[in-house]
């Protein structure tokens, strides 16, 4: 346990090494939220009814929560590094250390998430004071606890989804960037990061539900704002547990096969 606390502390310090990259990423997220906020605020000026199952307060709450949820779920340095370490041969340095490779990167991800939570909370507070949007909060403790549970499951699903795609570098190290790009495209369009997925046509929405992507952003926020509750929320938890087991098993399977063909060419 002590060695992973050391990893956590070291990773926390490393987050401040590339300050400009971190700041630019935060600015990008804030600009995206502002653009989406003004878009939906304008839409509801023309239409005060329910759109895609969301009232105006629910939609504006959804927009603001995207900043927080993506900072928790999608902030993961492992996604940018694992494929590169396999391709360059740097993985060998970890194989001779008394730490588990996945546990090492999961610990680093936790450090990154904590830092991003702190910044997101500050940014949301400032944006709220400046814009004073109509937002809603959960009406009971059960909804808050359910939101925290689903958010935790979302983070785990994303972690194993990321490492599974990055392990492709065992066989195609030169194409790591391609899988990174494809994963980013799918996440940004199918996770609910840009807009609620309930805006999709029924058939397309059904197809999206056959993937793990909606459980990263859309469902955690939908539970928070109350558009999904009761039995439907429990069904979401069950589906997330299914995807978590599948992706965990998949990542372990790909790792066990990949490590057999790993040759450390870059070292």
Protein backbone atom coordinates (compact mmCIF):
# COMPACT_ATOMS: atom_id res chain seq x y z
CA UNK A 1 0.00 0.00 0.00
CA UNK A 2 2.81 2.39 0.88
CA UNK A 3 4.38 2.09 -2.57
CA UNK A 4 1.12 3.11 -4.24
CA UNK A 5 0.79 6.08 -1.91
CA UNK A 6 4.25 7.08 -3.11
CA UNK A 7 3.08 6.71 -6.72
CA UNK A 8 0.05 8.85 -5.92
CA UNK A 9 2.19 11.58 -4.38
CA UNK A 10 4.72 11.54 -7.23
CA UNK A 11 1.96 11.64 -9.83
CA UNK A 12 0.36 14.61 -8.06
CA UNK A 13 3.64 16.50 -8.33
CA UNK A 14 4.05 15.52 -11.98
CA UNK A 15 0.68 17.06 -12.81
CA UNK A 16 2.25 20.47 -12.23
CA UNK A 17 5.27 19.77 -14.43
CA UNK A 18 3.41 20.59 -17.65
CA UNK A 19 1.35 23.49 -16.33
CA UNK A 20 0.62 25.02 -19.72
CA UNK A 21 -0.88 21.79 -21.07
CA UNK A 22 -3.04 21.44 -17.97
CA UNK A 23 -4.23 25.05 -18.15
CA UNK A 24 -5.04 24.83 -21.85
CA UNK A 25 -7.05 21.65 -21.26
CA UNK A 26 -9.03 23.39 -18.50
CA UNK A 27 -9.64 26.45 -20.69
CA UNK A 28 -10.85 24.20 -23.52
CA UNK A 29 -13.35 22.53 -21.22
CA UNK A 30 -14.65 25.84 -19.90
CA UNK A 31 -15.11 27.26 -23.40
CA UNK A 32 -17.01 24.16 -24.45
CA UNK A 33 -19.34 24.50 -21.46
CA UNK A 34 -19.93 28.19 -22.16
CA UNK A 35 -20.75 27.58 -25.82
CA UNK A 36 -23.14 24.75 -24.93
CA UNK A 37 -24.73 26.81 -22.16
CA UNK A 38 -25.51 29.78 -24.39
CA UNK A 39 -26.77 27.44 -27.10
CA UNK A 40 -29.32 25.73 -24.86
CA UNK A 41 -30.22 28.95 -23.11
CA UNK A 42 -31.13 30.38 -26.52
CA UNK A 43 -33.07 27.27 -27.51
CA UNK A 44 -35.21 27.41 -24.39
CA UNK A 45 -35.89 31.13 -24.91
CA UNK A 46 -37.82 30.07 -27.98
CA UNK A 47 -39.28 26.93 -26.41
CA UNK A 48 -40.09 26.67 -22.72
CA UNK A 49 -41.40 23.15 -22.99
CA UNK A 50 -39.56 19.88 -22.36
CA UNK A 51 -36.87 19.02 -24.92
CA UNK A 52 -35.62 15.42 -25.15
CA UNK A 53 -37.05 14.77 -21.69
CA UNK A 54 -35.27 17.75 -20.11
CA UNK A 55 -36.74 20.96 -18.72
CA UNK A 56 -34.66 24.13 -18.98
CA UNK A 57 -33.26 23.85 -15.40
CA UNK A 58 -32.44 20.19 -16.00
CA UNK A 59 -30.71 20.94 -19.31
CA UNK A 60 -28.63 23.78 -17.86
CA UNK A 61 -27.71 21.58 -14.90
CA UNK A 62 -26.71 18.87 -17.38
CA UNK A 63 -24.46 21.31 -19.25
CA UNK A 64 -22.67 22.43 -16.12
CA UNK A 65 -22.27 18.93 -14.74
CA UNK A 66 -20.53 17.81 -17.93
CA UNK A 67 -17.51 19.84 -16.77
CA UNK A 68 -17.39 18.06 -13.42
CA UNK A 69 -18.23 14.55 -14.61
CA UNK A 70 -15.76 14.53 -17.49
CA UNK A 71 -13.06 15.84 -15.16
CA UNK A 72 -13.66 12.87 -12.88
CA UNK A 73 -14.37 10.12 -15.39
CA UNK A 74 -12.19 11.09 -18.36
CA UNK A 75 -9.14 12.51 -16.58
CA UNK A 76 -6.69 9.63 -16.95
CA UNK A 77 -3.01 10.00 -17.87
CA UNK A 78 -2.90 6.24 -18.47
CA UNK A 79 -4.83 6.73 -21.70
CA UNK A 80 -2.06 8.88 -23.16
CA UNK A 81 0.90 6.86 -21.92
CA UNK A 82 0.32 3.11 -21.92
CA UNK A 83 0.41 2.64 -25.69
CA UNK A 84 3.53 4.78 -25.99
CA UNK A 85 5.33 2.85 -23.26
CA UNK A 86 4.57 -0.46 -24.95
CA UNK A 87 5.67 0.81 -28.35
CA UNK A 88 8.87 2.40 -27.07
CA UNK A 89 9.83 -0.48 -24.77
CA UNK A 90 9.48 1.60 -21.60
CA UNK A 91 7.11 -1.08 -20.30
CA UNK A 92 10.18 -3.16 -19.41
CA UNK A 93 11.03 -0.70 -16.63
CA UNK A 94 7.73 -1.55 -14.91
CA UNK A 95 7.94 -5.30 -15.36
CA UNK A 96 11.02 -5.47 -13.12
CA UNK A 97 9.49 -3.31 -10.38
CA UNK A 98 7.44 -4.68 -7.44
CA UNK A 99 4.25 -2.96 -8.61
CA UNK A 100 1.34 -4.14 -10.72
CA UNK A 101 1.26 -2.28 -14.03
CA UNK A 102 -2.50 -1.70 -14.05
CA UNK A 103 -2.57 -0.81 -10.34
CA UNK A 104 0.28 1.64 -10.95
CA UNK A 105 -1.64 3.48 -13.67
CA UNK A 106 -4.91 3.31 -11.77
CA UNK A 107 -3.20 5.03 -8.84
CA UNK A 108 -1.86 7.72 -11.16
CA UNK A 109 -5.34 8.18 -12.59
CA UNK A 110 -6.76 8.68 -9.10
CA UNK A 111 -4.22 11.42 -8.48
CA UNK A 112 -5.19 13.14 -11.72
CA UNK A 113 -8.90 12.84 -10.91
CA UNK A 114 -8.48 14.42 -7.48
CA UNK A 115 -6.65 17.40 -8.97
CA UNK A 116 -9.27 17.82 -11.68
CA UNK A 117 -12.11 17.61 -9.15
CA UNK A 118 -10.61 20.50 -7.21
CA UNK A 119 -10.19 22.65 -10.31
CA UNK A 120 -13.64 21.75 -11.65
CA UNK A 121 -15.30 22.70 -8.37
CA UNK A 122 -13.61 26.10 -8.49
CA UNK A 123 -14.48 26.66 -12.14
CA UNK A 124 -18.12 25.67 -11.63
CA UNK A 125 -18.40 28.03 -8.67
CA UNK A 126 -17.06 30.94 -10.72
CA UNK A 127 -19.29 30.16 -13.71
CA UNK A 128 -22.33 29.87 -11.45
CA UNK A 129 -21.64 33.24 -9.84
CA UNK A 130 -21.13 34.89 -13.23
CA UNK A 131 -24.06 33.32 -15.12
CA UNK A 132 -26.47 32.51 -12.28
CA UNK A 133 -28.12 29.72 -14.30
CA UNK A 134 -31.25 27.84 -13.34
CA UNK A 135 -29.95 24.59 -11.88
CA UNK A 136 -31.51 21.84 -9.83
CA UNK A 137 -30.12 19.62 -7.10
CA UNK A 138 -31.18 16.12 -6.04
CA UNK A 139 -34.14 16.18 -3.68
CA UNK A 140 -33.01 13.28 -1.51
CA UNK A 141 -29.93 11.53 -0.18
CA UNK A 142 -30.65 8.32 -2.11
CA UNK A 143 -30.25 10.13 -5.44
CA UNK A 144 -26.94 11.65 -4.32
CA UNK A 145 -25.60 8.26 -3.21
CA UNK A 146 -26.79 6.66 -6.44
CA UNK A 147 -25.06 9.41 -8.42
CA UNK A 148 -21.80 8.80 -6.56
CA UNK A 149 -22.09 5.03 -7.16
CA UNK A 150 -22.74 5.46 -10.88
CA UNK A 151 -19.95 8.02 -11.18
CA UNK A 152 -17.54 5.54 -9.57
CA UNK A 153 -18.62 2.80 -11.96
CA UNK A 154 -18.22 5.20 -14.89
CA UNK A 155 -14.63 5.94 -13.90
CA UNK A 156 -13.81 2.23 -13.65
CA UNK A 157 -15.47 1.48 -16.99
CA UNK A 158 -13.46 4.23 -18.66
CA UNK A 159 -10.20 3.03 -17.13
CA UNK A 160 -10.56 -0.54 -18.41
CA UNK A 161 -11.90 0.68 -21.75
CA UNK A 162 -8.85 2.88 -22.18
CA UNK A 163 -6.26 0.27 -21.21
CA UNK A 164 -7.94 -2.34 -23.42
CA UNK A 165 -7.63 -0.12 -26.47
CA UNK A 166 -4.07 0.93 -25.60
CA UNK A 167 -2.94 -2.70 -25.28
CA UNK A 168 -3.37 -2.98 -29.04
CA UNK A 169 0.12 -1.46 -29.11
CA UNK A 170 1.48 -4.93 -28.31
CA UNK A 171 0.70 -5.86 -31.92
CA UNK A 172 0.49 -2.48 -33.70
CA UNK A 173 2.68 0.02 -31.84
CA UNK A 174 2.81 2.40 -34.79
CA UNK A 175 -0.99 2.71 -34.87
CA UNK A 176 -1.50 3.71 -31.22
CA UNK A 177 -2.45 7.24 -32.27
CA UNK A 178 -5.19 5.83 -34.50
CA UNK A 179 -6.93 4.02 -31.67
CA UNK A 180 -6.49 7.08 -29.46
CA UNK A 181 -8.23 9.22 -32.08
CA UNK A 182 -11.07 6.73 -32.64
CA UNK A 183 -11.67 6.37 -28.91
CA UNK A 184 -11.81 10.15 -28.51
CA UNK A 185 -14.29 10.49 -31.38
CA UNK A 186 -16.59 7.80 -29.98
CA UNK A 187 -16.43 9.21 -26.47
CA UNK A 188 -17.17 12.79 -27.51
CA UNK A 189 -20.12 11.83 -29.70
CA UNK A 190 -21.64 8.83 -27.92
CA UNK A 191 -21.05 9.53 -24.23
CA UNK A 192 -23.36 12.54 -23.94
CA UNK A 193 -20.51 15.00 -23.54
CA UNK A 194 -21.79 17.34 -26.28
CA UNK A 195 -25.55 16.93 -25.76
CA UNK A 196 -27.96 14.50 -24.04
CA UNK A 197 -28.24 11.25 -25.93
CA UNK A 198 -32.04 11.37 -25.70
CA UNK A 199 -31.86 13.75 -28.67
CA UNK A 200 -30.86 10.81 -30.88
CA UNK A 201 -33.51 9.07 -33.00
CA UNK A 202 -34.88 5.91 -31.27
CA UNK A 203 -33.04 3.44 -33.51
CA UNK A 204 -29.69 5.23 -33.13
CA UNK A 205 -30.24 5.57 -29.39
CA UNK A 206 -30.87 1.82 -29.19
CA UNK A 207 -27.60 1.13 -31.02
CA UNK A 208 -25.66 3.48 -28.74
CA UNK A 209 -27.04 1.65 -25.70
CA UNK A 210 -25.30 -1.48 -26.93
CA UNK A 211 -21.94 0.19 -26.20
CA UNK A 212 -20.35 1.29 -22.90
CA UNK A 213 -20.08 4.94 -23.98
CA UNK A 214 -23.43 6.29 -22.64
CA UNK A 215 -22.47 5.18 -19.15
CA UNK A 216 -19.50 7.56 -19.04
CA UNK A 217 -21.30 10.93 -19.07
CA UNK A 218 -24.98 10.71 -19.98
CA UNK A 219 -26.29 8.33 -17.34
CA UNK A 220 -24.48 9.78 -14.30
CA UNK A 221 -25.83 13.26 -15.08
CA UNK A 222 -29.31 11.99 -15.99
CA UNK A 223 -29.59 10.36 -12.58
CA UNK A 224 -28.42 13.57 -10.89
CA UNK A 225 -30.96 15.81 -12.64
CA UNK A 226 -33.78 13.31 -12.19
CA UNK A 227 -34.60 12.34 -15.78
CA UNK A 228 -33.74 8.75 -14.82
CA UNK A 229 -34.82 7.37 -11.45
CA UNK A 230 -36.31 4.39 -9.67
CA UNK A 231 -36.21 1.05 -11.50
CA UNK A 232 -34.62 2.66 -14.55
CA UNK A 233 -31.70 3.89 -12.45
CA UNK A 234 -31.21 0.42 -10.96
CA UNK A 235 -31.22 -1.02 -14.49
CA UNK A 236 -28.47 1.46 -15.39
CA UNK A 237 -26.39 0.24 -12.43
CA UNK A 238 -26.88 -3.38 -13.51
CA UNK A 239 -25.82 -2.57 -17.07
CA UNK A 240 -22.75 -0.71 -15.81
CA UNK A 241 -21.73 -3.67 -13.64
CA UNK A 242 -22.04 -5.87 -16.71
CA UNK A 243 -19.80 -3.58 -18.79
CA UNK A 244 -17.31 -3.26 -15.94
CA UNK A 245 -16.89 -7.04 -15.69
CA UNK A 246 -16.65 -7.41 -19.48
CA UNK A 247 -14.03 -4.68 -19.88
CA UNK A 248 -12.04 -5.88 -16.85
CA UNK A 249 -11.92 -9.41 -18.24
CA UNK A 250 -11.08 -8.06 -21.68
CA UNK A 251 -8.20 -5.95 -20.40
CA UNK A 252 -6.75 -8.87 -18.44
CA UNK A 253 -7.11 -11.16 -21.46
CA UNK A 254 -5.42 -8.73 -23.86
CA UNK A 255 -2.65 -8.07 -21.32
CA UNK A 256 -1.93 -11.77 -20.84
CA UNK A 257 -1.79 -12.32 -24.60
CA UNK A 258 0.12 -9.13 -25.32
CA UNK A 259 2.84 -9.72 -22.75
CA UNK A 260 3.66 -13.00 -24.51
CA UNK A 261 4.54 -11.20 -27.73
CA UNK A 262 6.15 -8.16 -26.09
CA UNK A 263 9.77 -7.90 -27.22
CA UNK A 264 10.84 -4.45 -25.94
CA UNK A 265 12.15 -3.42 -29.34
CA UNK A 266 12.54 0.18 -28.34
CA UNK A 267 14.94 -0.51 -25.47
